[in-house]
Structures are given as structure tokens and as C-alpha cells.
Amino acid sequence: MRKLLGIIFITLGALIILSMVDPQLHSRLEPLFLPVVLALVMLSAMITSKRIQLIPSLIFLGAVLWILRELDVIQFDSLWQFFWPSILILIGVRILFSRSPIIRVSNNVGVDVAFGGREQAFSEAKSTTITTMFGSNELDYRNAKFPDHVVELDIVTMFGSTEIRVGDDVRVIADGTPILGGFENKTNNQGDKVLKIKYTVMFGAIEIHR
């Protein structure tokens, strides 16, 4: 994850320096800034979670098509011609590289939100991946059982907010990187249940509290 974040910052820094050195180049590089960031962040999220997820994949695909359009590799009218074959390719890649259904049911249950809001309370806590894009995600673990006593959450939040509530007997251990975003842990360090959180937040917020 650190290497990928390093690559992101190096790429963005190089684009900024090039645009400062050549003013004419600035007008060409400026439209590429946002799609490059989106593509790198989504790629980082999928590599970190070790899963080919639908929402990050679609956003990554859209960012790549955006970049190709800005570089005049493809025209706006031909975007749809590339879009649907690309969707088929993504579905095929996901089938090939996704984990088996048995592993997913026992270990991971994805909680994804895009362009909307979601509130969910859990009766049992399981290791999972939480992706929030352009929306809000509220997850309640206060009454959840921890069968393994240790639960891991991989959280990716971009242009949105993720709120997680835990009980008094849960100890939260968090590690991650906010990029123009915020992470706040309002819990204490006591409890026999452990919730390990690995997070990436960009232009958004993640909050953990009782």
C-alpha cells in the first residue's frame, strides 16, 4: 500500500512539475489530473483488498476511458463502443481472479455503496471490505458477535463518508492513510474483542465511535 501511495504522489508531482516547466503542456496535463488520480486510487484499492470488485473496477474503467479521450486516443462518440466490450472483459477478469464462493461466505462479505446511502446493523462481525464512493455508509457493530475475537476491515472511502459504531467491549486498531480526507477514532483501547481497520480515505471521512 505504501509503495502504491508513493507512486501516486510521484506521478502527481511529476505532472505538476511538467506543467510548470512548459505552460503549453499545462493546458494538456490539467484535464488528466482527476482521471489519473481516480485510476491510481481504484487500482490501489483493488490491490490492497486483493479482490476484483465491481464498483472500483467500473470507476477505474471510466477513468481509463476518460484519460484516453483527453489524449485523443478515442473520440467521445466512440466511448460507448469501447465501454461495453470493456465491461465484458472486467466481468471475465473478476470471474478468473475472484476468490471461491466458499471463502467469501465464511470470511468476507463486501459492503459497497456508490452514489447513495446505506445503514446496516450486524448480528455477527466478519472480516470484510467496505467501499464507499460518492455516498454514505453507516455500519453498526454494537450488538455484533465476534466469533473469531479478531475482525479485519479494509475500508476505502472516496468522496463520501463511512461511519462505524462498535460496542464498549471492542478495541479498535487502525492503520491507513488519509489523502485530503479525515479519519477519526473516538473509541478507547480497552476490550477483549479486536477490530483491525486498514483504510484509505480521499476527499472524504471515516469515523469510528461508540
N, C-alpha and C. Protein backbone atom coordinates (compact mmCIF):
# COMPACT_ATOMS: atom_id res chain seq x y z
N MET A 1 0.83 -1.20 0.00
CA MET A 1 0.00 0.00 0.00
C MET A 1 0.87 1.26 0.00
N ARG A 2 1.93 1.25 0.81
CA ARG A 2 2.81 2.42 0.87
C ARG A 2 3.50 2.66 -0.47
N LYS A 3 3.90 1.57 -1.14
CA LYS A 3 4.54 1.72 -2.44
C LYS A 3 3.58 2.34 -3.45
N LEU A 4 2.33 1.89 -3.43
CA LEU A 4 1.34 2.43 -4.36
C LEU A 4 1.06 3.90 -4.08
N LEU A 5 0.95 4.26 -2.81
CA LEU A 5 0.75 5.67 -2.46
C LEU A 5 1.95 6.50 -2.89
N GLY A 6 3.15 5.92 -2.73
CA GLY A 6 4.34 6.62 -3.19
C GLY A 6 4.31 6.86 -4.69
N ILE A 7 3.87 5.85 -5.45
CA ILE A 7 3.76 6.00 -6.90
C ILE A 7 2.75 7.09 -7.26
N ILE A 8 1.63 7.13 -6.51
CA ILE A 8 0.61 8.15 -6.77
C ILE A 8 1.18 9.55 -6.59
N PHE A 9 1.87 9.77 -5.47
CA PHE A 9 2.42 11.10 -5.20
C PHE A 9 3.52 11.46 -6.20
N ILE A 10 4.36 10.49 -6.57
CA ILE A 10 5.41 10.76 -7.55
C ILE A 10 4.79 11.14 -8.90
N THR A 11 3.76 10.41 -9.31
CA THR A 11 3.09 10.71 -10.58
C THR A 11 2.47 12.09 -10.58
N LEU A 12 1.75 12.41 -9.51
CA LEU A 12 1.11 13.72 -9.42
C LEU A 12 2.14 14.84 -9.37
N GLY A 13 3.22 14.62 -8.60
CA GLY A 13 4.27 15.62 -8.52
C GLY A 13 4.94 15.85 -9.86
N ALA A 14 5.18 14.77 -10.60
CA ALA A 14 5.79 14.89 -11.93
C ALA A 14 4.88 15.66 -12.89
N LEU A 15 3.57 15.39 -12.83
CA LEU A 15 2.63 16.12 -13.69
C LEU A 15 2.63 17.61 -13.37
N ILE A 16 2.68 17.94 -12.08
CA ILE A 16 2.68 19.36 -11.69
C ILE A 16 3.95 20.05 -12.15
N ILE A 17 5.11 19.38 -11.96
CA ILE A 17 6.38 19.98 -12.38
C ILE A 17 6.42 20.19 -13.89
N LEU A 18 5.98 19.20 -14.64
CA LEU A 18 5.96 19.33 -16.10
C LEU A 18 5.06 20.47 -16.56
N SER A 19 3.94 20.64 -15.88
CA SER A 19 3.03 21.72 -16.25
C SER A 19 3.61 23.08 -15.91
N MET A 20 4.48 23.15 -14.88
CA MET A 20 5.11 24.42 -14.51
C MET A 20 6.25 24.76 -15.47
N VAL A 21 6.97 23.74 -15.93
CA VAL A 21 8.09 23.97 -16.83
C VAL A 21 7.62 24.43 -18.20
N ASP A 22 6.56 23.81 -18.69
CA ASP A 22 6.04 24.13 -20.02
C ASP A 22 4.59 24.58 -19.90
N PRO A 23 4.32 25.90 -19.98
CA PRO A 23 2.94 26.39 -19.84
C PRO A 23 1.98 25.77 -20.85
N GLN A 24 2.47 25.51 -22.06
CA GLN A 24 1.60 24.89 -23.06
C GLN A 24 1.24 23.46 -22.66
N LEU A 25 2.20 22.81 -22.01
CA LEU A 25 1.94 21.45 -21.55
C LEU A 25 0.93 21.43 -20.41
N HIS A 26 0.88 22.53 -19.66
CA HIS A 26 -0.06 22.63 -18.54
C HIS A 26 -1.50 22.46 -19.00
N SER A 27 -1.83 23.10 -20.11
CA SER A 27 -3.20 23.02 -20.62
C SER A 27 -3.55 21.60 -21.06
N ARG A 28 -2.54 20.81 -21.42
CA ARG A 28 -2.79 19.43 -21.83
C ARG A 28 -2.82 18.48 -20.64
N LEU A 29 -2.02 18.79 -19.60
CA LEU A 29 -1.94 17.89 -18.45
C LEU A 29 -3.05 18.13 -17.44
N GLU A 30 -3.53 19.35 -17.35
CA GLU A 30 -4.54 19.67 -16.33
C GLU A 30 -5.78 18.79 -16.42
N PRO A 31 -6.34 18.54 -17.62
CA PRO A 31 -7.52 17.67 -17.70
C PRO A 31 -7.25 16.22 -17.30
N LEU A 32 -5.96 15.83 -17.25
CA LEU A 32 -5.62 14.45 -16.91
C LEU A 32 -5.51 14.24 -15.41
N PHE A 33 -5.46 15.31 -14.63
CA PHE A 33 -5.18 15.21 -13.20
C PHE A 33 -6.19 14.32 -12.49
N LEU A 34 -7.48 14.66 -12.59
CA LEU A 34 -8.51 13.92 -11.87
C LEU A 34 -8.65 12.47 -12.34
N PRO A 35 -8.70 12.19 -13.66
CA PRO A 35 -8.81 10.78 -14.06
C PRO A 35 -7.61 9.93 -13.66
N VAL A 36 -6.41 10.53 -13.67
CA VAL A 36 -5.22 9.79 -13.24
C VAL A 36 -5.32 9.44 -11.76
N VAL A 37 -5.76 10.41 -10.94
CA VAL A 37 -5.94 10.16 -9.51
C VAL A 37 -6.97 9.05 -9.28
N LEU A 38 -8.10 9.14 -9.97
CA LEU A 38 -9.15 8.13 -9.82
C LEU A 38 -8.63 6.74 -10.19
N ALA A 39 -7.93 6.66 -11.32
CA ALA A 39 -7.43 5.36 -11.77
C ALA A 39 -6.43 4.77 -10.78
N LEU A 40 -5.51 5.59 -10.28
CA LEU A 40 -4.50 5.10 -9.34
C LEU A 40 -5.11 4.69 -8.01
N VAL A 41 -6.05 5.48 -7.51
CA VAL A 41 -6.69 5.16 -6.22
C VAL A 41 -7.49 3.87 -6.32
N MET A 42 -8.25 3.71 -7.41
CA MET A 42 -9.04 2.48 -7.57
C MET A 42 -8.14 1.26 -7.74
N LEU A 43 -7.06 1.41 -8.48
CA LEU A 43 -6.12 0.31 -8.64
C LEU A 43 -5.50 -0.05 -7.31
N SER A 44 -5.14 0.97 -6.52
CA SER A 44 -4.57 0.74 -5.20
C SER A 44 -5.56 0.02 -4.29
N ALA A 45 -6.83 0.43 -4.35
CA ALA A 45 -7.85 -0.19 -3.50
C ALA A 45 -8.03 -1.66 -3.84
N MET A 46 -8.05 -2.00 -5.13
CA MET A 46 -8.25 -3.39 -5.53
C MET A 46 -7.05 -4.26 -5.18
N ILE A 47 -5.84 -3.70 -5.33
CA ILE A 47 -4.65 -4.47 -4.99
C ILE A 47 -4.56 -4.68 -3.49
N THR A 48 -4.92 -3.65 -2.71
CA THR A 48 -4.87 -3.76 -1.26
C THR A 48 -5.85 -4.81 -0.75
N SER A 49 -7.07 -4.79 -1.28
CA SER A 49 -8.09 -5.74 -0.83
C SER A 49 -7.93 -7.12 -1.47
N LYS A 50 -7.05 -7.22 -2.50
CA LYS A 50 -6.80 -8.47 -3.21
C LYS A 50 -8.08 -9.06 -3.80
N ARG A 51 -8.96 -8.16 -4.25
CA ARG A 51 -10.21 -8.59 -4.86
C ARG A 51 -10.52 -7.69 -6.05
N ILE A 52 -11.11 -8.29 -7.10
CA ILE A 52 -11.59 -7.52 -8.24
C ILE A 52 -13.03 -7.14 -7.94
N GLN A 53 -13.23 -5.93 -7.43
CA GLN A 53 -14.57 -5.50 -7.01
C GLN A 53 -15.25 -4.73 -8.13
N LEU A 54 -16.58 -4.84 -8.17
CA LEU A 54 -17.33 -4.28 -9.28
C LEU A 54 -17.23 -2.76 -9.32
N ILE A 55 -17.54 -2.09 -8.21
CA ILE A 55 -17.59 -0.63 -8.21
C ILE A 55 -16.21 -0.02 -8.49
N PRO A 56 -15.14 -0.41 -7.75
CA PRO A 56 -13.82 0.13 -8.10
C PRO A 56 -13.41 -0.18 -9.53
N SER A 57 -13.80 -1.36 -10.03
CA SER A 57 -13.44 -1.72 -11.41
C SER A 57 -14.11 -0.81 -12.42
N LEU A 58 -15.40 -0.51 -12.18
CA LEU A 58 -16.13 0.37 -13.10
C LEU A 58 -15.55 1.78 -13.07
N ILE A 59 -15.23 2.26 -11.87
CA ILE A 59 -14.65 3.61 -11.76
C ILE A 59 -13.27 3.64 -12.42
N PHE A 60 -12.48 2.59 -12.22
CA PHE A 60 -11.17 2.50 -12.86
C PHE A 60 -11.32 2.50 -14.38
N LEU A 61 -12.28 1.74 -14.88
CA LEU A 61 -12.53 1.69 -16.33
C LEU A 61 -12.94 3.06 -16.85
N GLY A 62 -13.84 3.73 -16.14
CA GLY A 62 -14.27 5.06 -16.56
C GLY A 62 -13.12 6.05 -16.58
N ALA A 63 -12.22 5.95 -15.57
CA ALA A 63 -11.07 6.85 -15.52
C ALA A 63 -10.12 6.60 -16.69
N VAL A 64 -9.91 5.32 -17.03
CA VAL A 64 -9.02 4.99 -18.15
C VAL A 64 -9.60 5.52 -19.46
N LEU A 65 -10.91 5.33 -19.68
CA LEU A 65 -11.54 5.85 -20.89
C LEU A 65 -11.47 7.37 -20.93
N TRP A 66 -11.61 7.99 -19.77
CA TRP A 66 -11.50 9.45 -19.66
C TRP A 66 -10.11 9.90 -20.10
N ILE A 67 -9.08 9.20 -19.61
CA ILE A 67 -7.70 9.54 -19.96
C ILE A 67 -7.48 9.38 -21.47
N LEU A 68 -7.96 8.28 -22.03
CA LEU A 68 -7.80 8.04 -23.47
C LEU A 68 -8.51 9.11 -24.29
N ARG A 69 -9.64 9.56 -23.79
CA ARG A 69 -10.37 10.63 -24.51
C ARG A 69 -9.60 11.94 -24.47
N GLU A 70 -9.03 12.27 -23.30
CA GLU A 70 -8.27 13.51 -23.17
C GLU A 70 -7.01 13.48 -24.02
N LEU A 71 -6.46 12.30 -24.24
CA LEU A 71 -5.26 12.15 -25.07
C LEU A 71 -5.59 12.01 -26.55
N ASP A 72 -6.89 12.11 -26.87
CA ASP A 72 -7.36 11.99 -28.26
C ASP A 72 -7.08 10.62 -28.86
N VAL A 73 -6.95 9.62 -27.99
CA VAL A 73 -6.79 8.25 -28.49
C VAL A 73 -8.12 7.73 -29.00
N ILE A 74 -9.19 8.07 -28.28
CA ILE A 74 -10.53 7.73 -28.73
C ILE A 74 -11.38 8.99 -28.69
N GLN A 75 -12.39 9.04 -29.50
CA GLN A 75 -13.29 10.18 -29.56
C GLN A 75 -14.49 9.94 -28.65
N PHE A 76 -15.16 11.03 -28.30
CA PHE A 76 -16.31 10.94 -27.40
C PHE A 76 -17.39 10.03 -27.97
N ASP A 77 -17.61 10.12 -29.27
CA ASP A 77 -18.67 9.32 -29.90
C ASP A 77 -18.37 7.83 -29.85
N SER A 78 -17.08 7.50 -29.73
CA SER A 78 -16.71 6.09 -29.73
C SER A 78 -16.56 5.50 -28.34
N LEU A 79 -16.81 6.32 -27.29
CA LEU A 79 -16.66 5.83 -25.93
C LEU A 79 -17.57 4.63 -25.67
N TRP A 80 -18.83 4.73 -26.10
CA TRP A 80 -19.77 3.65 -25.85
C TRP A 80 -19.36 2.39 -26.59
N GLN A 81 -18.69 2.55 -27.74
CA GLN A 81 -18.23 1.37 -28.47
C GLN A 81 -17.17 0.61 -27.68
N PHE A 82 -16.36 1.35 -26.90
CA PHE A 82 -15.35 0.71 -26.07
C PHE A 82 -15.90 0.27 -24.72
N PHE A 83 -16.97 0.93 -24.25
CA PHE A 83 -17.45 0.71 -22.89
C PHE A 83 -17.95 -0.72 -22.68
N TRP A 84 -18.88 -1.16 -23.53
CA TRP A 84 -19.50 -2.47 -23.30
C TRP A 84 -18.52 -3.63 -23.48
N PRO A 85 -17.66 -3.63 -24.49
CA PRO A 85 -16.64 -4.71 -24.53
C PRO A 85 -15.74 -4.69 -23.29
N SER A 86 -15.45 -3.49 -22.78
CA SER A 86 -14.61 -3.39 -21.58
C SER A 86 -15.33 -3.98 -20.37
N ILE A 87 -16.65 -3.78 -20.29
CA ILE A 87 -17.43 -4.36 -19.20
C ILE A 87 -17.34 -5.89 -19.25
N LEU A 88 -17.45 -6.46 -20.45
CA LEU A 88 -17.34 -7.90 -20.59
C LEU A 88 -15.97 -8.40 -20.14
N ILE A 89 -14.93 -7.63 -20.48
CA ILE A 89 -13.57 -8.00 -20.05
C ILE A 89 -13.46 -7.97 -18.54
N LEU A 90 -14.03 -6.93 -17.90
CA LEU A 90 -13.99 -6.82 -16.44
C LEU A 90 -14.71 -8.00 -15.78
N ILE A 91 -15.86 -8.36 -16.32
CA ILE A 91 -16.59 -9.50 -15.76
C ILE A 91 -15.76 -10.77 -15.86
N GLY A 92 -15.11 -10.96 -17.01
CA GLY A 92 -14.26 -12.13 -17.17
C GLY A 92 -13.09 -12.14 -16.21
N VAL A 93 -12.44 -10.99 -16.04
CA VAL A 93 -11.31 -10.89 -15.11
C VAL A 93 -11.76 -11.18 -13.69
N ARG A 94 -12.94 -10.65 -13.32
CA ARG A 94 -13.45 -10.88 -11.97
C ARG A 94 -13.73 -12.35 -11.73
N ILE A 95 -14.29 -13.04 -12.74
CA ILE A 95 -14.56 -14.47 -12.60
C ILE A 95 -13.27 -15.26 -12.43
N LEU A 96 -12.23 -14.87 -13.18
CA LEU A 96 -10.97 -15.60 -13.13
C LEU A 96 -10.22 -15.40 -11.83
N PHE A 97 -10.24 -14.17 -11.29
CA PHE A 97 -9.37 -13.85 -10.16
C PHE A 97 -10.11 -13.69 -8.84
N SER A 98 -11.43 -13.80 -8.83
CA SER A 98 -12.15 -13.70 -7.57
C SER A 98 -11.92 -14.95 -6.74
N ARG A 99 -12.07 -14.78 -5.44
CA ARG A 99 -11.94 -15.91 -4.54
C ARG A 99 -13.14 -16.83 -4.70
N SER A 100 -13.00 -18.05 -4.25
CA SER A 100 -14.09 -19.02 -4.38
C SER A 100 -15.25 -18.60 -3.51
N PRO A 101 -16.50 -18.98 -3.88
CA PRO A 101 -17.68 -18.60 -3.11
C PRO A 101 -17.62 -19.07 -1.67
N ILE A 102 -17.02 -20.24 -1.40
CA ILE A 102 -16.98 -20.74 -0.03
C ILE A 102 -16.15 -19.81 0.84
N ILE A 103 -15.03 -19.36 0.33
CA ILE A 103 -14.18 -18.45 1.11
C ILE A 103 -14.89 -17.13 1.35
N ARG A 104 -15.58 -16.63 0.37
CA ARG A 104 -16.27 -15.36 0.52
C ARG A 104 -17.35 -15.44 1.60
N VAL A 105 -18.10 -16.54 1.60
CA VAL A 105 -19.19 -16.65 2.57
C VAL A 105 -18.65 -16.74 3.98
N SER A 106 -17.54 -17.46 4.16
CA SER A 106 -17.04 -17.68 5.51
C SER A 106 -16.19 -16.53 6.03
N ASN A 107 -15.52 -15.81 5.12
CA ASN A 107 -14.56 -14.81 5.58
C ASN A 107 -14.90 -13.38 5.20
N ASN A 108 -15.47 -13.17 4.04
CA ASN A 108 -15.65 -11.81 3.55
C ASN A 108 -17.04 -11.60 2.99
N VAL A 109 -17.65 -10.51 3.38
CA VAL A 109 -18.93 -10.09 2.82
C VAL A 109 -18.79 -8.63 2.46
N GLY A 110 -18.69 -8.32 1.17
CA GLY A 110 -18.45 -6.95 0.75
C GLY A 110 -19.61 -6.03 1.09
N VAL A 111 -19.29 -4.82 1.50
CA VAL A 111 -20.30 -3.81 1.82
C VAL A 111 -19.97 -2.58 0.99
N ASP A 112 -20.57 -2.45 -0.19
CA ASP A 112 -20.24 -1.39 -1.13
C ASP A 112 -21.40 -0.42 -1.27
N VAL A 113 -21.07 0.87 -1.34
CA VAL A 113 -22.06 1.92 -1.56
C VAL A 113 -21.51 2.88 -2.60
N ALA A 114 -22.34 3.25 -3.57
CA ALA A 114 -21.94 4.22 -4.59
C ALA A 114 -23.14 5.09 -4.93
N PHE A 115 -22.92 6.40 -4.88
CA PHE A 115 -23.94 7.37 -5.25
C PHE A 115 -25.25 7.14 -4.48
N GLY A 116 -25.13 6.96 -3.17
CA GLY A 116 -26.31 6.75 -2.35
C GLY A 116 -25.94 6.61 -0.89
N GLY A 117 -26.87 6.11 -0.08
CA GLY A 117 -26.64 5.92 1.33
C GLY A 117 -27.08 4.55 1.78
N ARG A 118 -26.46 4.08 2.87
CA ARG A 118 -26.80 2.77 3.40
C ARG A 118 -26.59 2.74 4.90
N GLU A 119 -27.56 2.13 5.61
CA GLU A 119 -27.46 1.90 7.04
C GLU A 119 -27.67 0.41 7.30
N GLN A 120 -26.76 -0.20 8.06
CA GLN A 120 -26.88 -1.63 8.29
C GLN A 120 -26.34 -1.99 9.67
N ALA A 121 -27.10 -2.83 10.38
CA ALA A 121 -26.69 -3.35 11.68
C ALA A 121 -26.36 -4.83 11.54
N PHE A 122 -25.29 -5.27 12.20
CA PHE A 122 -24.82 -6.64 12.07
C PHE A 122 -25.03 -7.41 13.36
N SER A 123 -25.45 -8.65 13.23
CA SER A 123 -25.58 -9.54 14.39
C SER A 123 -24.30 -10.34 14.59
N GLU A 124 -23.49 -10.43 13.55
CA GLU A 124 -22.22 -11.14 13.62
C GLU A 124 -21.19 -10.40 12.79
N ALA A 125 -20.03 -10.16 13.37
CA ALA A 125 -18.97 -9.41 12.69
C ALA A 125 -18.06 -10.37 11.93
N LYS A 126 -17.83 -10.06 10.66
CA LYS A 126 -16.93 -10.84 9.83
C LYS A 126 -15.95 -9.92 9.13
N SER A 127 -14.79 -10.45 8.81
CA SER A 127 -13.81 -9.68 8.04
C SER A 127 -14.41 -9.34 6.69
N THR A 128 -14.28 -8.09 6.28
CA THR A 128 -14.96 -7.65 5.07
C THR A 128 -14.26 -6.46 4.46
N THR A 129 -14.65 -6.14 3.25
CA THR A 129 -14.17 -4.96 2.54
C THR A 129 -15.31 -3.97 2.42
N ILE A 130 -15.06 -2.72 2.78
CA ILE A 130 -16.08 -1.68 2.76
C ILE A 130 -15.63 -0.58 1.80
N THR A 131 -16.38 -0.40 0.73
CA THR A 131 -16.06 0.63 -0.27
C THR A 131 -17.20 1.63 -0.34
N THR A 132 -16.89 2.90 -0.14
CA THR A 132 -17.90 3.96 -0.20
C THR A 132 -17.44 5.01 -1.20
N MET A 133 -18.25 5.23 -2.24
CA MET A 133 -17.91 6.19 -3.27
C MET A 133 -19.09 7.13 -3.48
N PHE A 134 -18.86 8.41 -3.31
CA PHE A 134 -19.89 9.41 -3.55
C PHE A 134 -21.18 9.06 -2.80
N GLY A 135 -21.07 8.74 -1.52
CA GLY A 135 -22.24 8.39 -0.73
C GLY A 135 -21.88 8.26 0.74
N SER A 136 -22.80 7.69 1.52
CA SER A 136 -22.58 7.50 2.95
C SER A 136 -22.86 6.05 3.32
N ASN A 137 -22.05 5.53 4.23
CA ASN A 137 -22.14 4.14 4.66
C ASN A 137 -22.11 4.11 6.18
N GLU A 138 -23.19 3.68 6.82
CA GLU A 138 -23.27 3.61 8.28
C GLU A 138 -23.43 2.16 8.69
N LEU A 139 -22.45 1.66 9.44
CA LEU A 139 -22.42 0.25 9.84
C LEU A 139 -22.40 0.16 11.36
N ASP A 140 -23.30 -0.64 11.92
CA ASP A 140 -23.47 -0.76 13.37
C ASP A 140 -23.04 -2.15 13.83
N TYR A 141 -21.94 -2.20 14.59
CA TYR A 141 -21.43 -3.45 15.14
C TYR A 141 -21.62 -3.54 16.65
N ARG A 142 -22.45 -2.69 17.23
CA ARG A 142 -22.56 -2.63 18.69
C ARG A 142 -23.10 -3.93 19.28
N ASN A 143 -24.02 -4.57 18.60
CA ASN A 143 -24.60 -5.82 19.10
C ASN A 143 -24.10 -7.05 18.37
N ALA A 144 -23.01 -6.88 17.65
CA ALA A 144 -22.50 -7.99 16.84
C ALA A 144 -21.60 -8.92 17.66
N LYS A 145 -21.71 -10.21 17.38
CA LYS A 145 -20.82 -11.19 17.98
C LYS A 145 -19.54 -11.28 17.16
N PHE A 146 -18.43 -11.53 17.85
CA PHE A 146 -17.12 -11.68 17.21
C PHE A 146 -16.68 -13.14 17.37
N PRO A 147 -17.07 -14.03 16.45
CA PRO A 147 -16.75 -15.45 16.61
C PRO A 147 -15.24 -15.71 16.71
N ASP A 148 -14.46 -14.95 15.97
CA ASP A 148 -13.00 -15.16 15.97
C ASP A 148 -12.28 -14.19 16.89
N HIS A 149 -13.03 -13.33 17.60
CA HIS A 149 -12.49 -12.33 18.52
C HIS A 149 -11.68 -11.25 17.81
N VAL A 150 -11.20 -11.52 16.60
CA VAL A 150 -10.47 -10.52 15.82
C VAL A 150 -11.12 -10.43 14.43
N VAL A 151 -11.55 -9.23 14.07
CA VAL A 151 -12.19 -8.99 12.77
C VAL A 151 -11.41 -7.90 12.04
N GLU A 152 -11.15 -8.11 10.76
CA GLU A 152 -10.40 -7.14 9.96
C GLU A 152 -11.32 -6.49 8.93
N LEU A 153 -11.23 -5.17 8.85
CA LEU A 153 -12.00 -4.40 7.87
C LEU A 153 -11.04 -3.64 6.97
N ASP A 154 -11.21 -3.78 5.66
CA ASP A 154 -10.47 -2.98 4.68
C ASP A 154 -11.44 -1.93 4.15
N ILE A 155 -11.18 -0.67 4.48
CA ILE A 155 -12.12 0.41 4.16
C ILE A 155 -11.50 1.34 3.12
N VAL A 156 -12.25 1.58 2.06
CA VAL A 156 -11.87 2.56 1.04
C VAL A 156 -13.02 3.56 0.92
N THR A 157 -12.75 4.81 1.22
CA THR A 157 -13.78 5.86 1.17
C THR A 157 -13.27 7.00 0.30
N MET A 158 -14.07 7.36 -0.70
CA MET A 158 -13.68 8.42 -1.62
C MET A 158 -14.90 9.27 -1.95
N PHE A 159 -14.78 10.58 -1.73
CA PHE A 159 -15.88 11.50 -1.97
C PHE A 159 -17.14 11.02 -1.23
N GLY A 160 -16.98 10.63 0.03
CA GLY A 160 -18.11 10.16 0.82
C GLY A 160 -17.71 10.00 2.27
N SER A 161 -18.57 9.33 3.04
CA SER A 161 -18.30 9.14 4.46
C SER A 161 -18.65 7.71 4.87
N THR A 162 -17.83 7.17 5.76
CA THR A 162 -18.08 5.86 6.34
C THR A 162 -18.09 6.00 7.86
N GLU A 163 -19.18 5.57 8.48
CA GLU A 163 -19.33 5.66 9.93
C GLU A 163 -19.53 4.26 10.49
N ILE A 164 -18.72 3.91 11.48
CA ILE A 164 -18.78 2.59 12.10
C ILE A 164 -18.97 2.75 13.60
N ARG A 165 -19.96 2.05 14.14
CA ARG A 165 -20.25 2.08 15.57
C ARG A 165 -19.94 0.71 16.16
N VAL A 166 -19.24 0.73 17.30
CA VAL A 166 -18.85 -0.51 17.96
C VAL A 166 -19.26 -0.46 19.43
N GLY A 167 -19.27 -1.62 20.08
CA GLY A 167 -19.62 -1.70 21.48
C GLY A 167 -18.47 -1.32 22.40
N ASP A 168 -18.77 -1.22 23.70
CA ASP A 168 -17.75 -0.85 24.69
C ASP A 168 -16.70 -1.93 24.87
N ASP A 169 -17.00 -3.16 24.45
CA ASP A 169 -16.06 -4.27 24.63
C ASP A 169 -15.21 -4.52 23.39
N VAL A 170 -15.17 -3.53 22.48
CA VAL A 170 -14.40 -3.68 21.24
C VAL A 170 -13.22 -2.72 21.25
N ARG A 171 -12.03 -3.27 20.98
CA ARG A 171 -10.82 -2.45 20.87
C ARG A 171 -10.50 -2.27 19.39
N VAL A 172 -10.30 -1.04 18.98
CA VAL A 172 -10.07 -0.72 17.56
C VAL A 172 -8.59 -0.44 17.32
N ILE A 173 -8.03 -1.13 16.34
CA ILE A 173 -6.65 -0.89 15.90
C ILE A 173 -6.71 -0.45 14.45
N ALA A 174 -6.30 0.78 14.19
CA ALA A 174 -6.45 1.35 12.84
C ALA A 174 -5.10 1.71 12.25
N ASP A 175 -4.98 1.49 10.95
CA ASP A 175 -3.77 1.84 10.21
C ASP A 175 -4.16 2.20 8.79
N GLY A 176 -3.74 3.38 8.35
CA GLY A 176 -4.10 3.78 7.00
C GLY A 176 -3.57 5.15 6.65
N THR A 177 -4.03 5.65 5.52
CA THR A 177 -3.55 6.93 5.00
C THR A 177 -4.71 7.78 4.52
N PRO A 178 -4.91 8.95 5.13
CA PRO A 178 -5.90 9.89 4.59
C PRO A 178 -5.26 10.79 3.55
N ILE A 179 -5.88 10.90 2.39
CA ILE A 179 -5.40 11.77 1.32
C ILE A 179 -6.45 12.84 1.10
N LEU A 180 -6.19 14.04 1.59
CA LEU A 180 -7.17 15.12 1.53
C LEU A 180 -8.50 14.66 2.12
N GLY A 181 -8.40 13.89 3.20
CA GLY A 181 -9.58 13.39 3.89
C GLY A 181 -9.27 13.26 5.37
N GLY A 182 -10.20 12.69 6.13
CA GLY A 182 -10.01 12.59 7.56
C GLY A 182 -10.39 11.22 8.10
N PHE A 183 -9.68 10.81 9.16
CA PHE A 183 -10.01 9.59 9.89
C PHE A 183 -10.04 9.91 11.37
N GLU A 184 -11.10 9.49 12.06
CA GLU A 184 -11.25 9.79 13.48
C GLU A 184 -11.70 8.55 14.22
N ASN A 185 -10.95 8.21 15.26
CA ASN A 185 -11.28 7.06 16.11
C ASN A 185 -11.61 7.58 17.50
N LYS A 186 -12.88 7.54 17.87
CA LYS A 186 -13.34 8.07 19.15
C LYS A 186 -13.50 6.98 20.21
N THR A 187 -13.02 5.78 19.94
CA THR A 187 -13.16 4.68 20.88
C THR A 187 -11.96 4.64 21.82
N ASN A 188 -12.07 3.81 22.88
CA ASN A 188 -10.94 3.62 23.78
C ASN A 188 -10.16 2.38 23.36
N ASN A 189 -9.09 2.09 24.07
CA ASN A 189 -8.23 0.97 23.72
C ASN A 189 -8.48 -0.25 24.59
N GLN A 190 -9.67 -0.36 25.17
CA GLN A 190 -10.00 -1.48 26.04
C GLN A 190 -11.03 -2.37 25.37
N GLY A 191 -11.01 -3.64 25.73
CA GLY A 191 -11.98 -4.59 25.19
C GLY A 191 -11.32 -5.89 24.79
N ASP A 192 -12.04 -6.99 24.93
CA ASP A 192 -11.50 -8.29 24.58
C ASP A 192 -11.73 -8.63 23.11
N LYS A 193 -12.62 -7.89 22.44
CA LYS A 193 -12.82 -8.06 21.01
C LYS A 193 -11.96 -7.05 20.26
N VAL A 194 -11.38 -7.47 19.16
CA VAL A 194 -10.45 -6.61 18.42
C VAL A 194 -10.99 -6.37 17.01
N LEU A 195 -11.04 -5.10 16.63
CA LEU A 195 -11.43 -4.71 15.27
C LEU A 195 -10.24 -4.03 14.61
N LYS A 196 -9.61 -4.72 13.66
CA LYS A 196 -8.46 -4.17 12.94
C LYS A 196 -8.95 -3.50 11.66
N ILE A 197 -8.57 -2.26 11.48
CA ILE A 197 -9.04 -1.49 10.33
C ILE A 197 -7.85 -1.02 9.51
N LYS A 198 -7.85 -1.34 8.22
CA LYS A 198 -6.91 -0.79 7.26
C LYS A 198 -7.72 0.10 6.32
N TYR A 199 -7.31 1.35 6.22
CA TYR A 199 -8.18 2.28 5.49
C TYR A 199 -7.40 3.16 4.52
N THR A 200 -8.14 3.60 3.50
CA THR A 200 -7.70 4.64 2.58
C THR A 200 -8.86 5.59 2.39
N VAL A 201 -8.67 6.85 2.69
CA VAL A 201 -9.75 7.83 2.55
C VAL A 201 -9.22 9.00 1.74
N MET A 202 -10.01 9.40 0.74
CA MET A 202 -9.63 10.50 -0.14
C MET A 202 -10.84 11.37 -0.39
N PHE A 203 -10.71 12.65 -0.08
CA PHE A 203 -11.83 13.59 -0.24
C PHE A 203 -13.07 13.06 0.49
N GLY A 204 -12.88 12.57 1.70
CA GLY A 204 -13.99 12.02 2.46
C GLY A 204 -13.62 11.89 3.93
N ALA A 205 -14.40 11.10 4.67
CA ALA A 205 -14.18 10.96 6.10
C ALA A 205 -14.58 9.56 6.56
N ILE A 206 -13.81 9.06 7.52
CA ILE A 206 -14.12 7.80 8.20
C ILE A 206 -14.15 8.08 9.69
N GLU A 207 -15.22 7.65 10.36
CA GLU A 207 -15.37 7.90 11.79
C GLU A 207 -15.76 6.60 12.50
N ILE A 208 -15.02 6.30 13.58
CA ILE A 208 -15.30 5.14 14.40
C ILE A 208 -15.67 5.63 15.80
N HIS A 209 -16.82 5.21 16.31
CA HIS A 209 -17.23 5.67 17.64
C HIS A 209 -18.16 4.65 18.27
N ARG A 210 -18.52 4.92 19.55
CA ARG A 210 -19.41 4.01 20.29
C ARG A 210 -20.84 4.18 19.83
